[in-house]
Amino acid sequence: MKPIINGTGNYYIEAQTRDARRTDVIVGYRGEQFIVELKLWRGNEYNERGERQLIDYLEFYHKDKGYMLSFNFNKKKEIGVKERSIGGKTIVEAVV
């Protein structure tokens, strides 16, 4: 992450919110803030909980768009990037 930001921004791993919850990664870059949730793929239900968690963080930080990176180690996984709208928030999810 550091070479990408290259002195132009900052990133915070497991940043603590005021209500003692922890976001996975927050990237500050060129005056913008990006909220990123990292998940291991453990099925749709677990994934939906991760999306709800990300939406809560977006609410906390007053953001409309967040990012979720899902690591899927299944042999028949469906990789790619999808954009979804949930509760008025946009989630961009990349499955690798």
C-alpha atoms as a PDB file:
ATOM      1  CA  MET A   1       0.000   0.000   0.000  1.00  0.00           C
ATOM      2  CA  LYS A   2       2.799   2.407   0.846  1.00  0.00           C
ATOM      3  CA  PRO A   3       4.294   2.494  -2.691  1.00  0.00           C
ATOM      4  CA  ILE A   4       0.864   3.305  -4.143  1.00  0.00           C
ATOM      5  CA  ILE A   5       0.281   6.200  -1.761  1.00  0.00           C
ATOM      6  CA  ASN A   6       3.950   7.266  -2.080  1.00  0.00           C
ATOM      7  CA  GLY A   7       3.929  10.221   0.299  1.00  0.00           C
ATOM      8  CA  THR A   8       0.681  11.657  -1.094  1.00  0.00           C
ATOM      9  CA  GLY A   9      -1.608  10.100   1.495  1.00  0.00           C
ATOM     10  CA  ASN A  10      -1.913   7.932   4.570  1.00  0.00           C
ATOM     11  CA  TYR A  11      -3.522   4.661   5.493  1.00  0.00           C
ATOM     12  CA  TYR A  12      -4.720   3.331   8.803  1.00  0.00           C
ATOM     13  CA  ILE A  13      -5.112  -0.337   9.608  1.00  0.00           C
ATOM     14  CA  GLU A  14      -7.828  -1.242  12.116  1.00  0.00           C
ATOM     15  CA  ALA A  15      -8.610   2.371  12.891  1.00  0.00           C
ATOM     16  CA  GLN A  16     -10.813   2.633  15.956  1.00  0.00           C
ATOM     17  CA  THR A  17     -14.063   4.569  15.745  1.00  0.00           C
ATOM     18  CA  ARG A  18     -15.468   6.575  18.651  1.00  0.00           C
ATOM     19  CA  ASP A  19     -17.790   3.699  19.536  1.00  0.00           C
ATOM     20  CA  ALA A  20     -14.789   1.314  19.917  1.00  0.00           C
ATOM     21  CA  ARG A  21     -15.409  -0.534  16.639  1.00  0.00           C
ATOM     22  CA  ARG A  22     -12.520  -1.134  14.259  1.00  0.00           C
ATOM     23  CA  THR A  23     -12.507  -0.566  10.518  1.00  0.00           C
ATOM     24  CA  ASP A  24     -10.113  -2.757   8.518  1.00  0.00           C
ATOM     25  CA  VAL A  25      -8.392  -0.106   6.374  1.00  0.00           C
ATOM     26  CA  ILE A  26      -8.931   3.604   5.859  1.00  0.00           C
ATOM     27  CA  VAL A  27      -6.975   5.273   3.066  1.00  0.00           C
ATOM     28  CA  GLY A  28      -6.585   9.024   2.891  1.00  0.00           C
ATOM     29  CA  TYR A  29      -5.397  10.061  -0.550  1.00  0.00           C
ATOM     30  CA  ARG A  30      -5.386  13.502  -2.189  1.00  0.00           C
ATOM     31  CA  GLY A  31      -7.995  14.881   0.186  1.00  0.00           C
ATOM     32  CA  GLU A  32     -10.358  11.896  -0.107  1.00  0.00           C
ATOM     33  CA  GLN A  33     -11.042   9.145   2.390  1.00  0.00           C
ATOM     34  CA  PHE A  34     -11.686   5.543   1.334  1.00  0.00           C
ATOM     35  CA  ILE A  35     -13.167   2.958   3.717  1.00  0.00           C
ATOM     36  CA  VAL A  36     -12.130  -0.637   2.922  1.00  0.00           C
ATOM     37  CA  GLU A  37     -13.450  -3.818   4.527  1.00  0.00           C
ATOM     38  CA  LEU A  38     -11.405  -7.026   4.100  1.00  0.00           C
ATOM     39  CA  LYS A  39     -13.116 -10.420   4.324  1.00  0.00           C
ATOM     40  CA  LEU A  40     -12.364 -14.071   3.820  1.00  0.00           C
ATOM     41  CA  TRP A  41     -15.114 -15.724   1.794  1.00  0.00           C
ATOM     42  CA  ARG A  42     -17.159 -17.944   4.103  1.00  0.00           C
ATOM     43  CA  GLY A  43     -20.455 -17.955   2.251  1.00  0.00           C
ATOM     44  CA  ASN A  44     -23.206 -15.515   1.346  1.00  0.00           C
ATOM     45  CA  GLU A  45     -24.461 -14.969   4.897  1.00  0.00           C
ATOM     46  CA  TYR A  46     -20.996 -14.031   6.152  1.00  0.00           C
ATOM     47  CA  ASN A  47     -20.520 -11.786   3.121  1.00  0.00           C
ATOM     48  CA  GLU A  48     -23.820  -9.985   3.791  1.00  0.00           C
ATOM     49  CA  ARG A  49     -22.734  -9.349   7.396  1.00  0.00           C
ATOM     50  CA  GLY A  50     -19.546  -7.800   6.020  1.00  0.00           C
ATOM     51  CA  GLU A  51     -21.599  -5.549   3.745  1.00  0.00           C
ATOM     52  CA  ARG A  52     -23.748  -4.417   6.691  1.00  0.00           C
ATOM     53  CA  GLN A  53     -20.601  -3.782   8.712  1.00  0.00           C
ATOM     54  CA  LEU A  54     -19.185  -1.649   5.890  1.00  0.00           C
ATOM     55  CA  ILE A  55     -22.440   0.304   5.606  1.00  0.00           C
ATOM     56  CA  ASP A  56     -22.248   1.040   9.349  1.00  0.00           C
ATOM     57  CA  TYR A  57     -18.709   2.389   8.888  1.00  0.00           C
ATOM     58  CA  LEU A  58     -19.835   4.500   5.925  1.00  0.00           C
ATOM     59  CA  GLU A  59     -22.596   5.969   8.087  1.00  0.00           C
ATOM     60  CA  PHE A  60     -20.093   6.718  10.846  1.00  0.00           C
ATOM     61  CA  TYR A  61     -17.677   8.480   8.462  1.00  0.00           C
ATOM     62  CA  HIS A  62     -20.491  10.177   6.454  1.00  0.00           C
ATOM     63  CA  LYS A  63     -19.494   8.488   3.195  1.00  0.00           C
ATOM     64  CA  ASP A  64     -21.696   7.204   0.378  1.00  0.00           C
ATOM     65  CA  LYS A  65     -19.227   4.755  -1.166  1.00  0.00           C
ATOM     66  CA  GLY A  66     -17.111   2.008   0.364  1.00  0.00           C
ATOM     67  CA  TYR A  67     -14.980  -0.897  -0.785  1.00  0.00           C
ATOM     68  CA  MET A  68     -14.910  -4.561   0.171  1.00  0.00           C
ATOM     69  CA  LEU A  69     -12.090  -6.918  -0.759  1.00  0.00           C
ATOM     70  CA  SER A  70     -13.097 -10.577  -0.408  1.00  0.00           C
ATOM     71  CA  PHE A  71     -10.486 -13.316  -0.514  1.00  0.00           C
ATOM     72  CA  ASN A  72     -12.048 -16.514  -1.858  1.00  0.00           C
ATOM     73  CA  PHE A  73      -9.945 -19.674  -1.839  1.00  0.00           C
ATOM     74  CA  ASN A  74     -12.610 -21.923  -3.403  1.00  0.00           C
ATOM     75  CA  LYS A  75     -11.524 -23.605  -6.639  1.00  0.00           C
ATOM     76  CA  LYS A  76     -14.776 -22.680  -8.399  1.00  0.00           C
ATOM     77  CA  LYS A  77     -14.859 -19.079  -7.229  1.00  0.00           C
ATOM     78  CA  GLU A  78     -16.309 -16.264  -9.279  1.00  0.00           C
ATOM     79  CA  ILE A  79     -13.698 -13.505  -9.314  1.00  0.00           C
ATOM     80  CA  GLY A  80     -14.235  -9.930 -10.391  1.00  0.00           C
ATOM     81  CA  VAL A  81     -15.501  -6.526  -9.309  1.00  0.00           C
ATOM     82  CA  LYS A  82     -19.153  -5.733  -8.652  1.00  0.00           C
ATOM     83  CA  GLU A  83     -20.837  -2.525  -7.620  1.00  0.00           C
ATOM     84  CA  ARG A  84     -23.979  -2.724  -5.489  1.00  0.00           C
ATOM     85  CA  SER A  85     -26.305  -0.192  -3.948  1.00  0.00           C
ATOM     86  CA  ILE A  86     -27.522  -1.082  -0.461  1.00  0.00           C
ATOM     87  CA  GLY A  87     -29.492   1.283   1.741  1.00  0.00           C
ATOM     88  CA  GLY A  88     -28.492   4.337  -0.266  1.00  0.00           C
ATOM     89  CA  LYS A  89     -24.790   3.425  -0.077  1.00  0.00           C
ATOM     90  CA  THR A  90     -22.601   2.099  -2.882  1.00  0.00           C
ATOM     91  CA  ILE A  91     -20.346  -0.884  -2.209  1.00  0.00           C
ATOM     92  CA  VAL A  92     -17.652  -1.825  -4.689  1.00  0.00           C
ATOM     93  CA  GLU A  93     -16.676  -5.434  -3.989  1.00  0.00           C
ATOM     94  CA  ALA A  94     -13.674  -7.158  -5.487  1.00  0.00           C
ATOM     95  CA  VAL A  95     -13.442 -10.935  -5.138  1.00  0.00           C
ATOM     96  CA  VAL A  96      -9.983 -12.423  -5.573  1.00  0.00           C
END
